[in-house]
């Protein structure tokens, strides 16, 4: 989103990739743990661990809907 008066972005954004180049090139970005030290301070490692489990489950179809 851009300020129409100045043409500058309204928000500062950061792009943080947690997969190293070697893992991305080898098609293993989803398994990479080499850049986890870059996890932003407002996010916890535990949250990332849970997200990885959910994404893995969604990819393999092993997630179950809540009752």
C-alpha atoms as a PDB file:
ATOM      1  CA  UNK A   1       0.000   0.000   0.000  1.00  0.00           C
ATOM      2  CA  UNK A   2       1.418   3.345  -1.053  1.00  0.00           C
ATOM      3  CA  UNK A   3       0.781   6.900   0.171  1.00  0.00           C
ATOM      4  CA  UNK A   4      -0.733   8.655  -2.865  1.00  0.00           C
ATOM      5  CA  UNK A   5       0.730  12.012  -1.807  1.00  0.00           C
ATOM      6  CA  UNK A   6       4.335  10.829  -1.575  1.00  0.00           C
ATOM      7  CA  UNK A   7       4.412   7.573  -3.519  1.00  0.00           C
ATOM      8  CA  UNK A   8       6.165   5.945  -0.558  1.00  0.00           C
ATOM      9  CA  UNK A   9       5.026   2.760   1.195  1.00  0.00           C
ATOM     10  CA  UNK A  10       2.770   3.273   4.213  1.00  0.00           C
ATOM     11  CA  UNK A  11       4.327   0.329   6.070  1.00  0.00           C
ATOM     12  CA  UNK A  12       7.856  -0.923   6.531  1.00  0.00           C
ATOM     13  CA  UNK A  13       8.126  -4.541   5.424  1.00  0.00           C
ATOM     14  CA  UNK A  14      10.720  -7.226   6.019  1.00  0.00           C
ATOM     15  CA  UNK A  15      11.259 -10.377   4.034  1.00  0.00           C
ATOM     16  CA  UNK A  16      12.856 -13.069   6.177  1.00  0.00           C
ATOM     17  CA  UNK A  17      13.670 -16.347   4.465  1.00  0.00           C
ATOM     18  CA  UNK A  18      14.409 -19.225   6.791  1.00  0.00           C
ATOM     19  CA  UNK A  19      15.854 -21.553   4.144  1.00  0.00           C
ATOM     20  CA  UNK A  20      19.483 -21.301   3.043  1.00  0.00           C
ATOM     21  CA  UNK A  21      20.440 -21.093  -0.627  1.00  0.00           C
ATOM     22  CA  UNK A  22      21.878 -24.625  -0.707  1.00  0.00           C
ATOM     23  CA  UNK A  23      18.656 -26.171   0.642  1.00  0.00           C
ATOM     24  CA  UNK A  24      16.535 -24.094  -1.756  1.00  0.00           C
ATOM     25  CA  UNK A  25      18.671 -25.202  -4.717  1.00  0.00           C
ATOM     26  CA  UNK A  26      18.384 -28.855  -3.640  1.00  0.00           C
ATOM     27  CA  UNK A  27      14.594 -28.669  -3.250  1.00  0.00           C
ATOM     28  CA  UNK A  28      14.849 -29.102   0.527  1.00  0.00           C
ATOM     29  CA  UNK A  29      13.773 -25.607   1.613  1.00  0.00           C
ATOM     30  CA  UNK A  30      10.926 -27.056   3.677  1.00  0.00           C
ATOM     31  CA  UNK A  31      13.427 -29.107   5.724  1.00  0.00           C
ATOM     32  CA  UNK A  32      16.086 -26.426   6.186  1.00  0.00           C
ATOM     33  CA  UNK A  33      17.127 -25.517   9.733  1.00  0.00           C
ATOM     34  CA  UNK A  34      20.273 -23.563   8.828  1.00  0.00           C
ATOM     35  CA  UNK A  35      18.707 -20.106   9.112  1.00  0.00           C
ATOM     36  CA  UNK A  36      16.480 -20.549  12.155  1.00  0.00           C
ATOM     37  CA  UNK A  37      18.682 -18.121  14.059  1.00  0.00           C
ATOM     38  CA  UNK A  38      16.974 -15.430  11.959  1.00  0.00           C
ATOM     39  CA  UNK A  39      13.502 -16.126  13.398  1.00  0.00           C
ATOM     40  CA  UNK A  40      12.197 -12.683  14.409  1.00  0.00           C
ATOM     41  CA  UNK A  41      12.115 -11.960  18.131  1.00  0.00           C
ATOM     42  CA  UNK A  42       8.324 -11.576  18.063  1.00  0.00           C
ATOM     43  CA  UNK A  43       7.920 -15.185  16.946  1.00  0.00           C
ATOM     44  CA  UNK A  44       8.852 -18.196  19.012  1.00  0.00           C
ATOM     45  CA  UNK A  45      10.738 -21.288  17.931  1.00  0.00           C
ATOM     46  CA  UNK A  46       7.872 -23.337  19.409  1.00  0.00           C
ATOM     47  CA  UNK A  47       5.398 -21.615  17.091  1.00  0.00           C
ATOM     48  CA  UNK A  48       7.584 -22.436  14.088  1.00  0.00           C
ATOM     49  CA  UNK A  49       7.842 -26.049  15.218  1.00  0.00           C
ATOM     50  CA  UNK A  50       4.036 -26.298  15.374  1.00  0.00           C
ATOM     51  CA  UNK A  51       3.632 -24.599  11.996  1.00  0.00           C
ATOM     52  CA  UNK A  52       6.067 -27.072  10.454  1.00  0.00           C
ATOM     53  CA  UNK A  53       3.984 -29.972  11.817  1.00  0.00           C
ATOM     54  CA  UNK A  54       0.790 -28.440  10.400  1.00  0.00           C
ATOM     55  CA  UNK A  55       2.306 -27.774   6.990  1.00  0.00           C
ATOM     56  CA  UNK A  56       3.787 -31.270   6.834  1.00  0.00           C
ATOM     57  CA  UNK A  57       0.400 -32.749   7.797  1.00  0.00           C
ATOM     58  CA  UNK A  58      -1.437 -30.677   5.200  1.00  0.00           C
ATOM     59  CA  UNK A  59       1.034 -31.768   2.504  1.00  0.00           C
ATOM     60  CA  UNK A  60       0.630 -35.444   3.338  1.00  0.00           C
ATOM     61  CA  UNK A  61      -3.087 -35.309   4.083  1.00  0.00           C
ATOM     62  CA  UNK A  62      -2.663 -36.493   7.657  1.00  0.00           C
ATOM     63  CA  UNK A  63      -4.350 -33.532   9.324  1.00  0.00           C
ATOM     64  CA  UNK A  64      -7.718 -34.186  10.884  1.00  0.00           C
ATOM     65  CA  UNK A  65     -10.481 -31.595  11.211  1.00  0.00           C
ATOM     66  CA  UNK A  66     -11.657 -30.665  14.689  1.00  0.00           C
ATOM     67  CA  UNK A  67     -14.875 -32.249  15.890  1.00  0.00           C
END
